[in-house]
Amino acid sequence: MDTTYKATVNQSITFDISSEDITAFDALQISSESFHILQDQKPFTVDLIAADFRNKQYTFKVNNATYRVDLSDGLDMLIKEMGFALSSNKNITSIYAPMPGLILEINVKQGQEVQEDEPLLILEAMKMENVISSPRNGIIKSIAVTQGDTVEKKHLLIEFE
């Protein structure tokens, strides 16, 4: 079965990527966040700068240029076409660390009102900066970590009112 993804680069260029394209991709991982890519007989070094897995947003550095890539699969595109929003996360009252890491930055304060997808904090894991965004609109009830803290997976980070 052929799966197609829609990739949008820097919110301006959009193209489709098929599973066949991914299979034919000539890339070699040289470190946890760096890849050597050969495209049309030209070599490139690509560094993964940040990854937001929940929103399928990734930031790459290629030859000193930075690119933000937003990915969508068939379900994402269908939901967007139909005008629906995923609402299963609207009742989330707590955010837990998705992986072990180091709290690099906290962008909110207790009592602050936040909007859905607003960056709350940055968690560094395996030398990658992962932006933890708000899953819903709400008010920050408490922040269970401070900048510089090391956390384990499923460690409480933030609670909502």
N, C-alpha and C. Protein backbone atom coordinates (compact mmCIF):
# COMPACT_ATOMS: atom_id res chain seq x y z
N MET A 1 0.84 -1.19 0.00
CA MET A 1 0.00 0.00 0.00
C MET A 1 0.88 1.24 0.00
N ASP A 2 0.60 2.15 -0.89
CA ASP A 2 1.39 3.36 -1.03
C ASP A 2 0.81 4.45 -0.15
N THR A 3 1.61 4.94 0.79
CA THR A 3 1.20 6.02 1.66
C THR A 3 1.83 7.31 1.13
N THR A 4 1.03 8.36 1.06
CA THR A 4 1.54 9.64 0.59
C THR A 4 1.46 10.65 1.72
N TYR A 5 2.52 11.43 1.86
CA TYR A 5 2.59 12.50 2.84
C TYR A 5 2.68 13.82 2.10
N LYS A 6 2.14 14.84 2.69
CA LYS A 6 2.26 16.19 2.14
C LYS A 6 3.26 16.91 3.04
N ALA A 7 4.31 17.47 2.43
CA ALA A 7 5.33 18.20 3.16
C ALA A 7 5.25 19.67 2.77
N THR A 8 5.23 20.53 3.78
CA THR A 8 5.23 21.97 3.54
C THR A 8 6.51 22.53 4.15
N VAL A 9 7.32 23.19 3.35
CA VAL A 9 8.61 23.72 3.78
C VAL A 9 8.49 25.23 3.96
N ASN A 10 8.84 25.67 5.16
CA ASN A 10 8.81 27.11 5.52
C ASN A 10 7.46 27.76 5.19
N GLN A 11 6.41 27.02 5.34
CA GLN A 11 5.03 27.48 5.13
C GLN A 11 4.80 28.06 3.74
N SER A 12 5.63 27.65 2.75
CA SER A 12 5.46 28.23 1.43
C SER A 12 5.50 27.20 0.30
N ILE A 13 6.35 26.22 0.37
CA ILE A 13 6.47 25.23 -0.70
C ILE A 13 5.86 23.92 -0.21
N THR A 14 4.93 23.37 -1.01
CA THR A 14 4.27 22.13 -0.63
C THR A 14 4.48 21.09 -1.72
N PHE A 15 4.78 19.87 -1.30
CA PHE A 15 4.93 18.78 -2.26
C PHE A 15 4.56 17.47 -1.60
N ASP A 16 4.33 16.45 -2.42
CA ASP A 16 3.95 15.13 -1.94
C ASP A 16 5.17 14.23 -1.86
N ILE A 17 5.20 13.37 -0.84
CA ILE A 17 6.25 12.37 -0.69
C ILE A 17 5.55 11.02 -0.57
N SER A 18 5.89 10.09 -1.45
CA SER A 18 5.29 8.76 -1.40
C SER A 18 6.20 7.81 -0.62
N SER A 19 5.66 6.66 -0.23
CA SER A 19 6.48 5.67 0.46
C SER A 19 7.59 5.18 -0.46
N GLU A 20 7.35 5.18 -1.77
CA GLU A 20 8.39 4.82 -2.74
C GLU A 20 9.53 5.85 -2.71
N ASP A 21 9.19 7.13 -2.60
CA ASP A 21 10.21 8.19 -2.50
C ASP A 21 11.08 7.97 -1.27
N ILE A 22 10.45 7.61 -0.16
CA ILE A 22 11.18 7.39 1.09
C ILE A 22 12.11 6.19 0.96
N THR A 23 11.64 5.12 0.33
CA THR A 23 12.45 3.92 0.14
C THR A 23 13.66 4.21 -0.73
N ALA A 24 13.50 5.05 -1.74
CA ALA A 24 14.58 5.36 -2.68
C ALA A 24 15.52 6.44 -2.16
N PHE A 25 15.20 7.06 -1.04
CA PHE A 25 15.98 8.16 -0.48
C PHE A 25 17.37 7.67 -0.08
N ASP A 26 18.43 8.33 -0.51
CA ASP A 26 19.80 7.94 -0.23
C ASP A 26 20.34 8.76 0.94
N ALA A 27 20.15 8.25 2.15
CA ALA A 27 20.58 8.97 3.36
C ALA A 27 21.33 8.03 4.28
N LEU A 28 22.34 8.55 4.92
CA LEU A 28 23.14 7.79 5.88
C LEU A 28 23.20 8.59 7.18
N GLN A 29 22.76 7.99 8.29
CA GLN A 29 22.80 8.67 9.58
C GLN A 29 24.23 8.66 10.09
N ILE A 30 24.78 9.85 10.38
CA ILE A 30 26.16 9.94 10.84
C ILE A 30 26.27 10.27 12.33
N SER A 31 25.16 10.71 12.93
CA SER A 31 25.09 10.89 14.38
C SER A 31 23.60 10.89 14.74
N SER A 32 23.30 11.07 16.01
CA SER A 32 21.89 11.01 16.42
C SER A 32 21.03 12.09 15.78
N GLU A 33 21.65 13.20 15.33
CA GLU A 33 20.87 14.27 14.71
C GLU A 33 21.41 14.74 13.36
N SER A 34 22.38 14.02 12.81
CA SER A 34 22.96 14.43 11.52
C SER A 34 22.89 13.30 10.50
N PHE A 35 22.68 13.72 9.25
CA PHE A 35 22.56 12.76 8.16
C PHE A 35 23.37 13.24 6.97
N HIS A 36 23.92 12.29 6.23
CA HIS A 36 24.59 12.58 4.96
C HIS A 36 23.63 12.14 3.88
N ILE A 37 23.25 13.07 2.98
CA ILE A 37 22.26 12.79 1.95
C ILE A 37 22.88 13.01 0.59
N LEU A 38 22.58 12.09 -0.33
CA LEU A 38 23.02 12.22 -1.71
C LEU A 38 21.78 12.42 -2.57
N GLN A 39 21.67 13.58 -3.21
CA GLN A 39 20.52 13.91 -4.06
C GLN A 39 21.03 14.40 -5.39
N ASP A 40 20.68 13.74 -6.48
CA ASP A 40 21.14 14.11 -7.82
C ASP A 40 22.67 14.23 -7.89
N GLN A 41 23.34 13.25 -7.30
CA GLN A 41 24.81 13.17 -7.30
C GLN A 41 25.48 14.28 -6.49
N LYS A 42 24.71 15.02 -5.67
CA LYS A 42 25.27 16.09 -4.85
C LYS A 42 25.13 15.71 -3.38
N PRO A 43 26.22 15.83 -2.61
CA PRO A 43 26.16 15.48 -1.18
C PRO A 43 25.68 16.67 -0.33
N PHE A 44 24.91 16.36 0.71
CA PHE A 44 24.43 17.36 1.66
C PHE A 44 24.57 16.81 3.06
N THR A 45 24.89 17.68 4.01
CA THR A 45 24.82 17.32 5.42
C THR A 45 23.58 17.98 5.99
N VAL A 46 22.73 17.19 6.61
CA VAL A 46 21.47 17.69 7.15
C VAL A 46 21.46 17.42 8.65
N ASP A 47 21.20 18.47 9.43
CA ASP A 47 21.12 18.35 10.89
C ASP A 47 19.68 18.57 11.33
N LEU A 48 19.18 17.67 12.17
CA LEU A 48 17.85 17.83 12.76
C LEU A 48 18.01 18.76 13.96
N ILE A 49 17.41 19.95 13.88
CA ILE A 49 17.55 20.96 14.93
C ILE A 49 16.47 20.81 16.00
N ALA A 50 15.23 20.59 15.56
CA ALA A 50 14.12 20.47 16.51
C ALA A 50 13.06 19.55 15.92
N ALA A 51 12.34 18.86 16.82
CA ALA A 51 11.28 17.96 16.38
C ALA A 51 10.08 18.10 17.31
N ASP A 52 8.94 18.36 16.73
CA ASP A 52 7.67 18.42 17.47
C ASP A 52 6.82 17.29 16.89
N PHE A 53 6.96 16.10 17.51
CA PHE A 53 6.32 14.91 16.97
C PHE A 53 4.80 15.00 16.99
N ARG A 54 4.25 15.62 18.02
CA ARG A 54 2.79 15.71 18.14
C ARG A 54 2.19 16.47 16.97
N ASN A 55 2.84 17.55 16.56
CA ASN A 55 2.33 18.37 15.46
C ASN A 55 2.99 18.06 14.13
N LYS A 56 3.88 17.07 14.12
CA LYS A 56 4.59 16.65 12.91
C LYS A 56 5.33 17.82 12.26
N GLN A 57 6.06 18.56 13.10
CA GLN A 57 6.84 19.71 12.62
C GLN A 57 8.31 19.47 12.97
N TYR A 58 9.17 19.67 11.98
CA TYR A 58 10.59 19.40 12.15
C TYR A 58 11.38 20.58 11.59
N THR A 59 12.52 20.88 12.23
CA THR A 59 13.38 21.94 11.74
C THR A 59 14.73 21.33 11.41
N PHE A 60 15.19 21.57 10.18
CA PHE A 60 16.44 21.03 9.68
C PHE A 60 17.38 22.15 9.28
N LYS A 61 18.66 21.87 9.37
CA LYS A 61 19.68 22.79 8.87
C LYS A 61 20.40 22.06 7.74
N VAL A 62 20.37 22.67 6.55
CA VAL A 62 21.02 22.11 5.37
C VAL A 62 21.96 23.16 4.81
N ASN A 63 23.27 22.86 4.83
CA ASN A 63 24.26 23.80 4.29
C ASN A 63 24.05 25.22 4.79
N ASN A 64 23.92 25.39 6.08
CA ASN A 64 23.76 26.69 6.75
C ASN A 64 22.43 27.39 6.50
N ALA A 65 21.47 26.71 5.91
CA ALA A 65 20.11 27.27 5.75
C ALA A 65 19.17 26.43 6.62
N THR A 66 18.23 27.09 7.28
CA THR A 66 17.29 26.41 8.16
C THR A 66 15.94 26.28 7.48
N TYR A 67 15.34 25.09 7.62
CA TYR A 67 14.05 24.80 6.99
C TYR A 67 13.12 24.18 8.02
N ARG A 68 11.89 24.69 8.07
CA ARG A 68 10.86 24.08 8.91
C ARG A 68 9.97 23.26 7.99
N VAL A 69 9.78 21.98 8.34
CA VAL A 69 8.98 21.07 7.53
C VAL A 69 7.79 20.60 8.35
N ASP A 70 6.59 20.81 7.78
CA ASP A 70 5.35 20.33 8.39
C ASP A 70 4.86 19.15 7.55
N LEU A 71 4.61 18.02 8.21
CA LEU A 71 4.15 16.82 7.50
C LEU A 71 2.68 16.56 7.78
N SER A 72 1.98 16.05 6.77
CA SER A 72 0.59 15.64 6.91
C SER A 72 0.42 14.30 6.22
N ASP A 73 -0.31 13.40 6.85
CA ASP A 73 -0.62 12.14 6.19
C ASP A 73 -2.05 12.21 5.66
N GLY A 74 -2.54 11.12 5.10
CA GLY A 74 -3.88 11.10 4.51
C GLY A 74 -4.96 11.48 5.49
N LEU A 75 -4.87 11.00 6.72
CA LEU A 75 -5.88 11.32 7.73
C LEU A 75 -5.85 12.81 8.08
N ASP A 76 -4.66 13.36 8.25
CA ASP A 76 -4.54 14.80 8.53
C ASP A 76 -5.19 15.64 7.43
N MET A 77 -4.94 15.25 6.17
CA MET A 77 -5.49 15.99 5.05
C MET A 77 -7.01 15.87 4.98
N LEU A 78 -7.52 14.68 5.27
CA LEU A 78 -8.97 14.47 5.26
C LEU A 78 -9.65 15.29 6.36
N ILE A 79 -9.07 15.29 7.54
CA ILE A 79 -9.63 16.07 8.66
C ILE A 79 -9.65 17.56 8.31
N LYS A 80 -8.56 18.03 7.71
CA LYS A 80 -8.50 19.44 7.32
C LYS A 80 -9.54 19.77 6.25
N GLU A 81 -9.67 18.89 5.24
CA GLU A 81 -10.65 19.11 4.17
C GLU A 81 -12.08 19.17 4.72
N MET A 82 -12.37 18.34 5.70
CA MET A 82 -13.71 18.26 6.26
C MET A 82 -13.97 19.36 7.28
N GLY A 83 -12.94 20.09 7.67
CA GLY A 83 -13.11 21.19 8.62
C GLY A 83 -13.22 20.74 10.06
N PHE A 84 -12.81 19.50 10.32
CA PHE A 84 -12.86 18.99 11.70
C PHE A 84 -11.54 19.25 12.40
N ALA A 85 -11.60 19.27 13.72
CA ALA A 85 -10.38 19.35 14.53
C ALA A 85 -10.38 18.16 15.46
N LEU A 86 -9.20 17.64 15.72
CA LEU A 86 -9.11 16.55 16.68
C LEU A 86 -9.41 17.11 18.06
N SER A 87 -10.36 16.52 18.75
CA SER A 87 -10.75 17.08 20.05
C SER A 87 -10.49 16.14 21.21
N SER A 88 -9.83 15.01 20.96
CA SER A 88 -9.59 14.06 22.03
C SER A 88 -8.65 14.60 23.10
N ASN A 89 -7.87 15.61 22.76
CA ASN A 89 -6.92 16.14 23.73
C ASN A 89 -7.48 17.34 24.51
N LYS A 90 -8.71 17.71 24.31
CA LYS A 90 -9.26 18.92 24.93
C LYS A 90 -9.44 18.80 26.44
N ASN A 91 -9.52 17.57 26.96
CA ASN A 91 -9.72 17.39 28.40
C ASN A 91 -8.42 17.10 29.14
N ILE A 92 -7.31 17.31 28.50
CA ILE A 92 -6.02 17.06 29.14
C ILE A 92 -5.82 18.08 30.26
N THR A 93 -5.50 17.57 31.46
CA THR A 93 -5.27 18.45 32.59
C THR A 93 -3.81 18.49 33.02
N SER A 94 -3.01 17.54 32.52
CA SER A 94 -1.60 17.48 32.89
C SER A 94 -0.76 17.11 31.68
N ILE A 95 0.45 17.61 31.67
CA ILE A 95 1.40 17.26 30.62
C ILE A 95 2.58 16.57 31.29
N TYR A 96 2.94 15.42 30.73
CA TYR A 96 4.04 14.61 31.24
C TYR A 96 5.15 14.55 30.20
N ALA A 97 6.37 14.33 30.66
CA ALA A 97 7.52 14.23 29.75
C ALA A 97 7.34 13.02 28.84
N PRO A 98 7.42 13.22 27.52
CA PRO A 98 7.27 12.10 26.60
C PRO A 98 8.52 11.22 26.53
N MET A 99 9.64 11.73 27.07
CA MET A 99 10.91 11.01 27.05
C MET A 99 11.81 11.62 28.11
N PRO A 100 12.86 10.92 28.52
CA PRO A 100 13.79 11.53 29.47
C PRO A 100 14.55 12.68 28.81
N GLY A 101 14.90 13.68 29.60
CA GLY A 101 15.63 14.79 29.01
C GLY A 101 15.92 15.89 30.01
N LEU A 102 16.36 17.02 29.47
CA LEU A 102 16.74 18.19 30.25
C LEU A 102 15.83 19.35 29.89
N ILE A 103 15.28 20.03 30.89
CA ILE A 103 14.42 21.19 30.66
C ILE A 103 15.34 22.38 30.32
N LEU A 104 15.29 22.82 29.05
CA LEU A 104 16.14 23.92 28.61
C LEU A 104 15.51 25.28 28.85
N GLU A 105 14.19 25.33 28.68
CA GLU A 105 13.51 26.63 28.73
C GLU A 105 12.06 26.42 29.14
N ILE A 106 11.54 27.31 29.97
CA ILE A 106 10.13 27.31 30.33
C ILE A 106 9.56 28.64 29.88
N ASN A 107 8.54 28.59 29.03
CA ASN A 107 8.00 29.80 28.40
C ASN A 107 6.73 30.33 29.05
N VAL A 108 6.27 29.69 30.12
CA VAL A 108 5.01 30.10 30.77
C VAL A 108 5.21 30.24 32.27
N LYS A 109 4.21 30.87 32.91
CA LYS A 109 4.23 31.04 34.36
C LYS A 109 2.92 30.52 34.94
N GLN A 110 2.93 30.21 36.20
CA GLN A 110 1.72 29.77 36.89
C GLN A 110 0.67 30.87 36.79
N GLY A 111 -0.58 30.50 36.47
CA GLY A 111 -1.67 31.45 36.34
C GLY A 111 -1.79 32.07 34.96
N GLN A 112 -0.84 31.80 34.10
CA GLN A 112 -0.86 32.37 32.75
C GLN A 112 -1.89 31.65 31.87
N GLU A 113 -2.60 32.43 31.07
CA GLU A 113 -3.54 31.87 30.11
C GLU A 113 -2.77 31.53 28.84
N VAL A 114 -2.99 30.31 28.32
CA VAL A 114 -2.29 29.87 27.11
C VAL A 114 -3.30 29.41 26.07
N GLN A 115 -2.87 29.46 24.83
CA GLN A 115 -3.69 29.01 23.71
C GLN A 115 -3.17 27.66 23.21
N GLU A 116 -4.05 26.91 22.57
CA GLU A 116 -3.67 25.63 21.99
C GLU A 116 -2.47 25.84 21.05
N ASP A 117 -1.52 24.93 21.11
CA ASP A 117 -0.30 24.92 20.30
C ASP A 117 0.72 25.98 20.70
N GLU A 118 0.47 26.72 21.76
CA GLU A 118 1.45 27.69 22.25
C GLU A 118 2.61 26.93 22.91
N PRO A 119 3.86 27.27 22.60
CA PRO A 119 5.00 26.59 23.21
C PRO A 119 5.03 26.81 24.72
N LEU A 120 5.11 25.72 25.49
CA LEU A 120 5.15 25.80 26.94
C LEU A 120 6.57 25.69 27.47
N LEU A 121 7.31 24.73 26.93
CA LEU A 121 8.69 24.54 27.37
C LEU A 121 9.47 23.79 26.30
N ILE A 122 10.79 23.75 26.49
CA ILE A 122 11.66 23.02 25.56
C ILE A 122 12.37 21.95 26.37
N LEU A 123 12.25 20.71 25.88
CA LEU A 123 12.87 19.54 26.50
C LEU A 123 13.95 19.03 25.57
N GLU A 124 15.19 19.02 26.04
CA GLU A 124 16.28 18.48 25.23
C GLU A 124 16.40 17.00 25.51
N ALA A 125 16.37 16.19 24.43
CA ALA A 125 16.54 14.75 24.56
C ALA A 125 17.40 14.28 23.39
N MET A 126 18.44 13.54 23.66
CA MET A 126 19.36 13.04 22.64
C MET A 126 19.87 14.18 21.75
N LYS A 127 20.23 15.31 22.35
CA LYS A 127 20.77 16.48 21.67
C LYS A 127 19.78 17.15 20.72
N MET A 128 18.49 16.82 20.85
CA MET A 128 17.46 17.48 20.03
C MET A 128 16.58 18.30 20.96
N GLU A 129 16.19 19.48 20.49
CA GLU A 129 15.29 20.33 21.25
C GLU A 129 13.86 20.01 20.83
N ASN A 130 13.05 19.57 21.80
CA ASN A 130 11.66 19.21 21.54
C ASN A 130 10.76 20.25 22.19
N VAL A 131 9.97 20.93 21.39
CA VAL A 131 9.05 21.94 21.89
C VAL A 131 7.81 21.22 22.40
N ILE A 132 7.50 21.42 23.66
CA ILE A 132 6.28 20.86 24.25
C ILE A 132 5.24 21.99 24.20
N SER A 133 4.20 21.79 23.40
CA SER A 133 3.17 22.81 23.18
C SER A 133 1.91 22.48 23.94
N SER A 134 1.11 23.49 24.17
CA SER A 134 -0.16 23.31 24.88
C SER A 134 -1.14 22.52 24.01
N PRO A 135 -1.74 21.47 24.57
CA PRO A 135 -2.70 20.67 23.81
C PRO A 135 -4.08 21.34 23.73
N ARG A 136 -4.27 22.41 24.50
CA ARG A 136 -5.59 23.08 24.53
C ARG A 136 -5.45 24.49 25.07
N ASN A 137 -6.50 25.27 24.94
CA ASN A 137 -6.57 26.57 25.60
C ASN A 137 -6.76 26.32 27.09
N GLY A 138 -6.19 27.15 27.93
CA GLY A 138 -6.37 26.97 29.36
C GLY A 138 -5.50 27.90 30.17
N ILE A 139 -5.51 27.65 31.48
CA ILE A 139 -4.72 28.43 32.42
C ILE A 139 -3.77 27.47 33.13
N ILE A 140 -2.51 27.88 33.25
CA ILE A 140 -1.50 27.05 33.90
C ILE A 140 -1.76 27.04 35.41
N LYS A 141 -2.05 25.86 35.94
CA LYS A 141 -2.30 25.70 37.38
C LYS A 141 -0.98 25.59 38.14
N SER A 142 -0.06 24.75 37.62
CA SER A 142 1.24 24.61 38.28
C SER A 142 2.28 24.13 37.28
N ILE A 143 3.52 24.45 37.61
CA ILE A 143 4.66 24.00 36.82
C ILE A 143 5.53 23.19 37.76
N ALA A 144 5.70 21.90 37.44
CA ALA A 144 6.37 20.98 38.34
C ALA A 144 7.88 20.87 38.10
N VAL A 145 8.42 21.66 37.17
CA VAL A 145 9.85 21.61 36.86
C VAL A 145 10.41 23.02 36.80
N THR A 146 11.72 23.11 36.84
CA THR A 146 12.40 24.39 36.65
C THR A 146 13.46 24.21 35.57
N GLN A 147 13.87 25.32 35.00
CA GLN A 147 14.89 25.27 33.97
C GLN A 147 16.14 24.58 34.51
N GLY A 148 16.70 23.64 33.74
CA GLY A 148 17.90 22.91 34.16
C GLY A 148 17.60 21.58 34.80
N ASP A 149 16.32 21.29 35.11
CA ASP A 149 15.95 20.00 35.70
C ASP A 149 16.13 18.87 34.70
N THR A 150 16.55 17.73 35.18
CA THR A 150 16.58 16.51 34.38
C THR A 150 15.33 15.72 34.75
N VAL A 151 14.58 15.27 33.75
CA VAL A 151 13.34 14.54 34.00
C VAL A 151 13.37 13.18 33.33
N GLU A 152 12.62 12.27 33.88
CA GLU A 152 12.44 10.94 33.31
C GLU A 152 11.15 10.92 32.51
N LYS A 153 10.98 9.92 31.69
CA LYS A 153 9.74 9.75 30.93
C LYS A 153 8.56 9.67 31.90
N LYS A 154 7.46 10.31 31.56
CA LYS A 154 6.22 10.36 32.34
C LYS A 154 6.33 11.22 33.60
N HIS A 155 7.38 12.03 33.70
CA HIS A 155 7.51 12.97 34.82
C HIS A 155 6.52 14.12 34.59
N LEU A 156 5.78 14.51 35.63
CA LEU A 156 4.83 15.61 35.52
C LEU A 156 5.58 16.90 35.20
N LEU A 157 5.12 17.62 34.17
CA LEU A 157 5.73 18.89 33.79
C LEU A 157 4.85 20.06 34.15
N ILE A 158 3.59 20.03 33.66
CA ILE A 158 2.68 21.16 33.81
C ILE A 158 1.27 20.64 34.05
N GLU A 159 0.52 21.36 34.92
CA GLU A 159 -0.89 21.05 35.14
C GLU A 159 -1.74 22.25 34.72
N PHE A 160 -2.92 21.97 34.19
CA PHE A 160 -3.88 23.00 33.80
C PHE A 160 -4.99 23.08 34.83
N GLU A 161 -5.63 24.27 34.96
CA GLU A 161 -6.80 24.44 35.82
C GLU A 161 -7.98 23.77 35.19
